[in-house]
Amino acid sequence: MLVFGLNQIFNLRVMATTFKDGDPSYAGALGGIALGLKSYHIFELKDEIPEAVWEQEMAFKELEVEDELVEQICSMMREIRGE
């Protein structure tokens, strides 16, 4: 399992897809090598992280990202995982 904190949709999609299905450009070391790893974004795991830890480590970062972007990220990650 991988956990990303990156908030750029395009880069996040490429990275999550690479670790699941292999490098889609076939240019890197994982070209054609499907690792089958599931990727999650840290925002998807908020309920799994103790509240005090979330407040200390992530609350400010969460405020920097618009709700719409958070939903887009989480939706895309579920799509990549096939959920």
PDB file of N, CA and C in Angstrom:
ATOM      1  N   MET A   1       0.847  -1.171   0.000  1.00  0.00           N
ATOM      2  CA  MET A   1       0.000   0.000   0.000  1.00  0.00           C
ATOM      3  C   MET A   1       0.891   1.231   0.000  1.00  0.00           C
ATOM      4  N   LEU A   2       0.468   2.234  -0.786  1.00  0.00           N
ATOM      5  CA  LEU A   2       1.169   3.513  -0.857  1.00  0.00           C
ATOM      6  C   LEU A   2       0.243   4.614  -0.384  1.00  0.00           C
ATOM      7  N   VAL A   3       0.811   5.604   0.274  1.00  0.00           N
ATOM      8  CA  VAL A   3       0.035   6.767   0.702  1.00  0.00           C
ATOM      9  C   VAL A   3       0.724   8.004   0.133  1.00  0.00           C
ATOM     10  N   PHE A   4      -0.059   8.765  -0.631  1.00  0.00           N
ATOM     11  CA  PHE A   4       0.451  10.000  -1.232  1.00  0.00           C
ATOM     12  C   PHE A   4      -0.131  11.211  -0.522  1.00  0.00           C
ATOM     13  N   GLY A   5       0.590  12.310  -0.572  1.00  0.00           N
ATOM     14  CA  GLY A   5       0.104  13.575  -0.052  1.00  0.00           C
ATOM     15  C   GLY A   5       0.089  14.644  -1.132  1.00  0.00           C
ATOM     16  N   LEU A   6       0.476  14.261  -2.316  1.00  0.00           N
ATOM     17  CA  LEU A   6       0.551  15.153  -3.464  1.00  0.00           C
ATOM     18  C   LEU A   6      -0.840  15.620  -3.873  1.00  0.00           C
ATOM     19  N   ASN A   7      -0.987  16.893  -4.201  1.00  0.00           N
ATOM     20  CA  ASN A   7      -2.302  17.429  -4.539  1.00  0.00           C
ATOM     21  C   ASN A   7      -2.441  17.841  -6.002  1.00  0.00           C
ATOM     22  N   GLN A   8      -1.473  17.513  -6.839  1.00  0.00           N
ATOM     23  CA  GLN A   8      -1.589  17.783  -8.268  1.00  0.00           C
ATOM     24  C   GLN A   8      -2.187  16.543  -8.933  1.00  0.00           C
ATOM     25  N   ILE A   9      -3.410  16.695  -9.451  1.00  0.00           N
ATOM     26  CA  ILE A   9      -4.176  15.571  -9.990  1.00  0.00           C
ATOM     27  C   ILE A   9      -3.391  14.768 -11.029  1.00  0.00           C
ATOM     28  N   PHE A  10      -2.816  15.435 -12.016  1.00  0.00           N
ATOM     29  CA  PHE A  10      -2.126  14.722 -13.095  1.00  0.00           C
ATOM     30  C   PHE A  10      -0.976  13.883 -12.547  1.00  0.00           C
ATOM     31  N   ASN A  11      -0.114  14.500 -11.740  1.00  0.00           N
ATOM     32  CA  ASN A  11       1.043  13.782 -11.189  1.00  0.00           C
ATOM     33  C   ASN A  11       0.611  12.644 -10.279  1.00  0.00           C
ATOM     34  N   LEU A  12      -0.415  12.865  -9.506  1.00  0.00           N
ATOM     35  CA  LEU A  12      -0.927  11.836  -8.614  1.00  0.00           C
ATOM     36  C   LEU A  12      -1.449  10.642  -9.412  1.00  0.00           C
ATOM     37  N   ARG A  13      -2.181  10.918 -10.501  1.00  0.00           N
ATOM     38  CA  ARG A  13      -2.699   9.842 -11.353  1.00  0.00           C
ATOM     39  C   ARG A  13      -1.553   9.015 -11.943  1.00  0.00           C
ATOM     40  N   VAL A  14      -0.530   9.695 -12.460  1.00  0.00           N
ATOM     41  CA  VAL A  14       0.601   8.988 -13.060  1.00  0.00           C
ATOM     42  C   VAL A  14       1.293   8.116 -12.023  1.00  0.00           C
ATOM     43  N   MET A  15       1.529   8.652 -10.847  1.00  0.00           N
ATOM     44  CA  MET A  15       2.231   7.891  -9.817  1.00  0.00           C
ATOM     45  C   MET A  15       1.413   6.683  -9.350  1.00  0.00           C
ATOM     46  N   ALA A  16       0.137   6.891  -9.066  1.00  0.00           N
ATOM     47  CA  ALA A  16      -0.710   5.791  -8.588  1.00  0.00           C
ATOM     48  C   ALA A  16      -0.851   4.711  -9.658  1.00  0.00           C
ATOM     49  N   THR A  17      -1.003   5.131 -10.918  1.00  0.00           N
ATOM     50  CA  THR A  17      -1.121   4.177 -12.015  1.00  0.00           C
ATOM     51  C   THR A  17       0.181   3.406 -12.206  1.00  0.00           C
ATOM     52  N   THR A  18       1.294   4.085 -12.081  1.00  0.00           N
ATOM     53  CA  THR A  18       2.601   3.433 -12.239  1.00  0.00           C
ATOM     54  C   THR A  18       2.786   2.332 -11.205  1.00  0.00           C
ATOM     55  N   PHE A  19       2.461   2.585  -9.966  1.00  0.00           N
ATOM     56  CA  PHE A  19       2.655   1.570  -8.928  1.00  0.00           C
ATOM     57  C   PHE A  19       1.635   0.440  -9.022  1.00  0.00           C
ATOM     58  N   LYS A  20       0.521   0.681  -9.676  1.00  0.00           N
ATOM     59  CA  LYS A  20      -0.478  -0.374  -9.850  1.00  0.00           C
ATOM     60  C   LYS A  20      -0.207  -1.177 -11.124  1.00  0.00           C
ATOM     61  N   ASP A  21      -0.107  -0.477 -12.262  1.00  0.00           N
ATOM     62  CA  ASP A  21      -0.065  -1.134 -13.566  1.00  0.00           C
ATOM     63  C   ASP A  21       1.286  -1.089 -14.264  1.00  0.00           C
ATOM     64  N   GLY A  22       2.231  -0.348 -13.728  1.00  0.00           N
ATOM     65  CA  GLY A  22       3.512  -0.159 -14.394  1.00  0.00           C
ATOM     66  C   GLY A  22       3.557   1.213 -15.048  1.00  0.00           C
ATOM     67  N   ASP A  23       4.721   1.635 -15.427  1.00  0.00           N
ATOM     68  CA  ASP A  23       4.913   2.960 -16.025  1.00  0.00           C
ATOM     69  C   ASP A  23       4.140   3.058 -17.338  1.00  0.00           C
ATOM     70  N   PRO A  24       3.136   3.964 -17.403  1.00  0.00           N
ATOM     71  CA  PRO A  24       2.325   4.063 -18.615  1.00  0.00           C
ATOM     72  C   PRO A  24       3.090   4.591 -19.830  1.00  0.00           C
ATOM     73  N   SER A  25       4.242   5.227 -19.609  1.00  0.00           N
ATOM     74  CA  SER A  25       5.034   5.738 -20.733  1.00  0.00           C
ATOM     75  C   SER A  25       6.058   4.711 -21.214  1.00  0.00           C
ATOM     76  N   TYR A  26       6.228   3.649 -20.464  1.00  0.00           N
ATOM     77  CA  TYR A  26       7.235   2.621 -20.753  1.00  0.00           C
ATOM     78  C   TYR A  26       8.638   3.209 -20.843  1.00  0.00           C
ATOM     79  N   ALA A  27       8.857   4.348 -20.213  1.00  0.00           N
ATOM     80  CA  ALA A  27      10.163   4.992 -20.268  1.00  0.00           C
ATOM     81  C   ALA A  27      10.977   4.738 -19.001  1.00  0.00           C
ATOM     82  N   GLY A  28      10.308   4.399 -17.922  1.00  0.00           N
ATOM     83  CA  GLY A  28      10.999   4.245 -16.650  1.00  0.00           C
ATOM     84  C   GLY A  28      11.281   2.793 -16.304  1.00  0.00           C
ATOM     85  N   ALA A  29      11.842   2.613 -15.134  1.00  0.00           N
ATOM     86  CA  ALA A  29      12.219   1.278 -14.673  1.00  0.00           C
ATOM     87  C   ALA A  29      11.028   0.354 -14.478  1.00  0.00           C
ATOM     88  N   LEU A  30       9.830   0.916 -14.263  1.00  0.00           N
ATOM     89  CA  LEU A  30       8.645   0.093 -14.065  1.00  0.00           C
ATOM     90  C   LEU A  30       7.800  -0.034 -15.337  1.00  0.00           C
ATOM     91  N   GLY A  31       8.378   0.266 -16.494  1.00  0.00           N
ATOM     92  CA  GLY A  31       7.657   0.144 -17.757  1.00  0.00           C
ATOM     93  C   GLY A  31       7.199  -1.285 -17.980  1.00  0.00           C
ATOM     94  N   GLY A  32       5.875  -1.476 -18.045  1.00  0.00           N
ATOM     95  CA  GLY A  32       5.319  -2.806 -18.281  1.00  0.00           C
ATOM     96  C   GLY A  32       5.356  -3.733 -17.087  1.00  0.00           C
ATOM     97  N   ILE A  33       5.777  -3.247 -15.935  1.00  0.00           N
ATOM     98  CA  ILE A  33       5.855  -4.089 -14.739  1.00  0.00           C
ATOM     99  C   ILE A  33       4.751  -3.675 -13.776  1.00  0.00           C
ATOM    100  N   ALA A  34       3.719  -4.488 -13.707  1.00  0.00           N
ATOM    101  CA  ALA A  34       2.583  -4.192 -12.833  1.00  0.00           C
ATOM    102  C   ALA A  34       2.881  -4.709 -11.423  1.00  0.00           C
ATOM    103  N   LEU A  35       2.972  -3.780 -10.474  1.00  0.00           N
ATOM    104  CA  LEU A  35       3.221  -4.172  -9.087  1.00  0.00           C
ATOM    105  C   LEU A  35       1.924  -4.470  -8.348  1.00  0.00           C
ATOM    106  N   GLY A  36       0.816  -3.941  -8.848  1.00  0.00           N
ATOM    107  CA  GLY A  36      -0.484  -4.202  -8.231  1.00  0.00           C
ATOM    108  C   GLY A  36      -0.677  -3.539  -6.877  1.00  0.00           C
ATOM    109  N   LEU A  37       0.088  -2.505  -6.588  1.00  0.00           N
ATOM    110  CA  LEU A  37      -0.016  -1.840  -5.291  1.00  0.00           C
ATOM    111  C   LEU A  37      -1.197  -0.871  -5.270  1.00  0.00           C
ATOM    112  N   LYS A  38      -1.944  -0.886  -4.189  1.00  0.00           N
ATOM    113  CA  LYS A  38      -3.046   0.059  -4.013  1.00  0.00           C
ATOM    114  C   LYS A  38      -2.493   1.362  -3.453  1.00  0.00           C
ATOM    115  N   SER A  39      -2.974   2.456  -4.013  1.00  0.00           N
ATOM    116  CA  SER A  39      -2.552   3.784  -3.585  1.00  0.00           C
ATOM    117  C   SER A  39      -3.711   4.514  -2.939  1.00  0.00           C
ATOM    118  N   TYR A  40      -3.397   5.266  -1.907  1.00  0.00           N
ATOM    119  CA  TYR A  40      -4.376   6.084  -1.207  1.00  0.00           C
ATOM    120  C   TYR A  40      -3.805   7.475  -1.054  1.00  0.00           C
ATOM    121  N   HIS A  41      -4.690   8.444  -0.949  1.00  0.00           N
ATOM    122  CA  HIS A  41      -4.263   9.796  -0.622  1.00  0.00           C
ATOM    123  C   HIS A  41      -4.473   9.973   0.878  1.00  0.00           C
ATOM    124  N   ILE A  42      -3.634  10.730   1.516  1.00  0.00           N
ATOM    125  CA  ILE A  42      -3.722  10.927   2.961  1.00  0.00           C
ATOM    126  C   ILE A  42      -5.099  11.428   3.383  1.00  0.00           C
ATOM    127  N   PHE A  43      -5.765  12.217   2.525  1.00  0.00           N
ATOM    128  CA  PHE A  43      -7.090  12.713   2.873  1.00  0.00           C
ATOM    129  C   PHE A  43      -8.107  11.576   2.996  1.00  0.00           C
ATOM    130  N   GLU A  44      -7.896  10.473   2.285  1.00  0.00           N
ATOM    131  CA  GLU A  44      -8.800   9.330   2.383  1.00  0.00           C
ATOM    132  C   GLU A  44      -8.662   8.604   3.718  1.00  0.00           C
ATOM    133  N   LEU A  45      -7.555   8.797   4.383  1.00  0.00           N
ATOM    134  CA  LEU A  45      -7.252   8.061   5.611  1.00  0.00           C
ATOM    135  C   LEU A  45      -7.501   8.879   6.872  1.00  0.00           C
ATOM    136  N   LYS A  46      -8.108  10.024   6.728  1.00  0.00           N
ATOM    137  CA  LYS A  46      -8.320  10.923   7.862  1.00  0.00           C
ATOM    138  C   LYS A  46      -9.007  10.224   9.035  1.00  0.00           C
ATOM    139  N   ASP A  47     -10.006   9.414   8.766  1.00  0.00           N
ATOM    140  CA  ASP A  47     -10.748   8.736   9.839  1.00  0.00           C
ATOM    141  C   ASP A  47      -9.927   7.652  10.528  1.00  0.00           C
ATOM    142  N   GLU A  48      -8.838   7.237   9.906  1.00  0.00           N
ATOM    143  CA  GLU A  48      -7.990   6.187  10.472  1.00  0.00           C
ATOM    144  C   GLU A  48      -6.864   6.757  11.344  1.00  0.00           C
ATOM    145  N   ILE A  49      -6.670   8.053  11.276  1.00  0.00           N
ATOM    146  CA  ILE A  49      -5.568   8.707  11.981  1.00  0.00           C
ATOM    147  C   ILE A  49      -6.121   9.358  13.249  1.00  0.00           C
ATOM    148  N   PRO A  50      -5.463   9.152  14.384  1.00  0.00           N
ATOM    149  CA  PRO A  50      -5.941   9.780  15.618  1.00  0.00           C
ATOM    150  C   PRO A  50      -6.115  11.290  15.433  1.00  0.00           C
ATOM    151  N   GLU A  51      -7.196  11.810  15.971  1.00  0.00           N
ATOM    152  CA  GLU A  51      -7.552  13.216  15.775  1.00  0.00           C
ATOM    153  C   GLU A  51      -6.438  14.169  16.181  1.00  0.00           C
ATOM    154  N   ALA A  52      -5.782  13.899  17.297  1.00  0.00           N
ATOM    155  CA  ALA A  52      -4.713  14.785  17.759  1.00  0.00           C
ATOM    156  C   ALA A  52      -3.547  14.811  16.769  1.00  0.00           C
ATOM    157  N   VAL A  53      -3.240  13.656  16.197  1.00  0.00           N
ATOM    158  CA  VAL A  53      -2.155  13.579  15.211  1.00  0.00           C
ATOM    159  C   VAL A  53      -2.557  14.331  13.949  1.00  0.00           C
ATOM    160  N   TRP A  54      -3.803  14.117  13.496  1.00  0.00           N
ATOM    161  CA  TRP A  54      -4.279  14.827  12.305  1.00  0.00           C
ATOM    162  C   TRP A  54      -4.210  16.343  12.515  1.00  0.00           C
ATOM    163  N   GLU A  55      -4.681  16.791  13.669  1.00  0.00           N
ATOM    164  CA  GLU A  55      -4.677  18.234  13.955  1.00  0.00           C
ATOM    165  C   GLU A  55      -3.261  18.800  13.937  1.00  0.00           C
ATOM    166  N   GLN A  56      -2.339  18.065  14.493  1.00  0.00           N
ATOM    167  CA  GLN A  56      -0.964  18.547  14.570  1.00  0.00           C
ATOM    168  C   GLN A  56      -0.258  18.502  13.213  1.00  0.00           C
ATOM    169  N   GLU A  57      -0.478  17.441  12.443  1.00  0.00           N
ATOM    170  CA  GLU A  57       0.294  17.221  11.230  1.00  0.00           C
ATOM    171  C   GLU A  57      -0.397  17.642   9.936  1.00  0.00           C
ATOM    172  N   MET A  58      -1.738  17.561   9.889  1.00  0.00           N
ATOM    173  CA  MET A  58      -2.416  17.723   8.607  1.00  0.00           C
ATOM    174  C   MET A  58      -3.481  18.811   8.553  1.00  0.00           C
ATOM    175  N   ALA A  59      -3.974  19.276   9.664  1.00  0.00           N
ATOM    176  CA  ALA A  59      -5.107  20.208   9.663  1.00  0.00           C
ATOM    177  C   ALA A  59      -4.822  21.457   8.839  1.00  0.00           C
ATOM    178  N   PHE A  60      -3.657  22.035   8.998  1.00  0.00           N
ATOM    179  CA  PHE A  60      -3.333  23.247   8.246  1.00  0.00           C
ATOM    180  C   PHE A  60      -3.229  22.957   6.757  1.00  0.00           C
ATOM    181  N   LYS A  61      -2.612  21.826   6.410  1.00  0.00           N
ATOM    182  CA  LYS A  61      -2.483  21.446   4.998  1.00  0.00           C
ATOM    183  C   LYS A  61      -3.847  21.194   4.380  1.00  0.00           C
ATOM    184  N   GLU A  62      -4.757  20.632   5.169  1.00  0.00           N
ATOM    185  CA  GLU A  62      -6.110  20.372   4.686  1.00  0.00           C
ATOM    186  C   GLU A  62      -6.835  21.687   4.365  1.00  0.00           C
ATOM    187  N   LEU A  63      -6.593  22.701   5.173  1.00  0.00           N
ATOM    188  CA  LEU A  63      -7.221  24.004   4.941  1.00  0.00           C
ATOM    189  C   LEU A  63      -6.730  24.663   3.652  1.00  0.00           C
ATOM    190  N   GLU A  64      -5.534  24.319   3.218  1.00  0.00           N
ATOM    191  CA  GLU A  64      -4.958  24.907   2.013  1.00  0.00           C
ATOM    192  C   GLU A  64      -5.590  24.370   0.730  1.00  0.00           C
ATOM    193  N   VAL A  65      -6.313  23.257   0.834  1.00  0.00           N
ATOM    194  CA  VAL A  65      -6.868  22.595  -0.342  1.00  0.00           C
ATOM    195  C   VAL A  65      -8.389  22.758  -0.344  1.00  0.00           C
ATOM    196  N   GLU A  66      -8.929  23.187  -1.463  1.00  0.00           N
ATOM    197  CA  GLU A  66     -10.374  23.372  -1.574  1.00  0.00           C
ATOM    198  C   GLU A  66     -11.091  22.029  -1.515  1.00  0.00           C
ATOM    199  N   ASP A  67     -12.294  22.041  -0.945  1.00  0.00           N
ATOM    200  CA  ASP A  67     -13.083  20.817  -0.794  1.00  0.00           C
ATOM    201  C   ASP A  67     -13.293  20.104  -2.125  1.00  0.00           C
ATOM    202  N   GLU A  68     -13.513  20.873  -3.180  1.00  0.00           N
ATOM    203  CA  GLU A  68     -13.733  20.281  -4.496  1.00  0.00           C
ATOM    204  C   GLU A  68     -12.520  19.482  -4.959  1.00  0.00           C
ATOM    205  N   LEU A  69     -11.330  20.000  -4.713  1.00  0.00           N
ATOM    206  CA  LEU A  69     -10.110  19.295  -5.094  1.00  0.00           C
ATOM    207  C   LEU A  69      -9.951  18.024  -4.270  1.00  0.00           C
ATOM    208  N   VAL A  70     -10.255  18.088  -2.983  1.00  0.00           N
ATOM    209  CA  VAL A  70     -10.169  16.903  -2.130  1.00  0.00           C
ATOM    210  C   VAL A  70     -11.081  15.809  -2.675  1.00  0.00           C
ATOM    211  N   GLU A  71     -12.306  16.170  -3.056  1.00  0.00           N
ATOM    212  CA  GLU A  71     -13.241  15.182  -3.595  1.00  0.00           C
ATOM    213  C   GLU A  71     -12.743  14.630  -4.928  1.00  0.00           C
ATOM    214  N   GLN A  72     -12.174  15.479  -5.776  1.00  0.00           N
ATOM    215  CA  GLN A  72     -11.624  15.013  -7.050  1.00  0.00           C
ATOM    216  C   GLN A  72     -10.491  14.020  -6.819  1.00  0.00           C
ATOM    217  N   ILE A  73      -9.629  14.340  -5.882  1.00  0.00           N
ATOM    218  CA  ILE A  73      -8.498  13.466  -5.567  1.00  0.00           C
ATOM    219  C   ILE A  73      -9.001  12.115  -5.055  1.00  0.00           C
ATOM    220  N   CYS A  74      -9.899  12.150  -4.093  1.00  0.00           N
ATOM    221  CA  CYS A  74     -10.397  10.906  -3.499  1.00  0.00           C
ATOM    222  C   CYS A  74     -11.151  10.067  -4.528  1.00  0.00           C
ATOM    223  N   SER A  75     -11.926  10.705  -5.365  1.00  0.00           N
ATOM    224  CA  SER A  75     -12.665  10.010  -6.415  1.00  0.00           C
ATOM    225  C   SER A  75     -11.711   9.358  -7.413  1.00  0.00           C
ATOM    226  N   MET A  76     -10.692  10.079  -7.816  1.00  0.00           N
ATOM    227  CA  MET A  76      -9.724   9.541  -8.752  1.00  0.00           C
ATOM    228  C   MET A  76      -8.979   8.351  -8.154  1.00  0.00           C
ATOM    229  N   MET A  77      -8.604   8.457  -6.891  1.00  0.00           N
ATOM    230  CA  MET A  77      -7.885   7.363  -6.248  1.00  0.00           C
ATOM    231  C   MET A  77      -8.758   6.110  -6.174  1.00  0.00           C
ATOM    232  N   ARG A  78     -10.037   6.278  -5.848  1.00  0.00           N
ATOM    233  CA  ARG A  78     -10.958   5.123  -5.828  1.00  0.00           C
ATOM    234  C   ARG A  78     -11.066   4.507  -7.227  1.00  0.00           C
ATOM    235  N   GLU A  79     -11.131   5.358  -8.233  1.00  0.00           N
ATOM    236  CA  GLU A  79     -11.217   4.882  -9.624  1.00  0.00           C
ATOM    237  C   GLU A  79      -9.987   4.052  -9.994  1.00  0.00           C
ATOM    238  N   ILE A  80      -8.816   4.548  -9.649  1.00  0.00           N
ATOM    239  CA  ILE A  80      -7.574   3.841  -9.965  1.00  0.00           C
ATOM    240  C   ILE A  80      -7.524   2.494  -9.241  1.00  0.00           C
ATOM    241  N   ARG A  81      -8.007   2.455  -8.014  1.00  0.00           N
ATOM    242  CA  ARG A  81      -8.033   1.198  -7.252  1.00  0.00           C
ATOM    243  C   ARG A  81      -9.125   0.251  -7.743  1.00  0.00           C
ATOM    244  N   GLY A  82     -10.033   0.750  -8.585  1.00  0.00           N
ATOM    245  CA  GLY A  82     -11.127  -0.079  -9.091  1.00  0.00           C
ATOM    246  C   GLY A  82     -12.269  -0.217  -8.123  1.00  0.00           C
ATOM    247  N   GLU A  83     -12.471   0.803  -7.291  1.00  0.00           N
ATOM    248  CA  GLU A  83     -13.550   0.762  -6.292  1.00  0.00           C
ATOM    249  C   GLU A  83     -14.750   1.540  -6.762  1.00  0.00           C
TER     250      GLU A  83
END
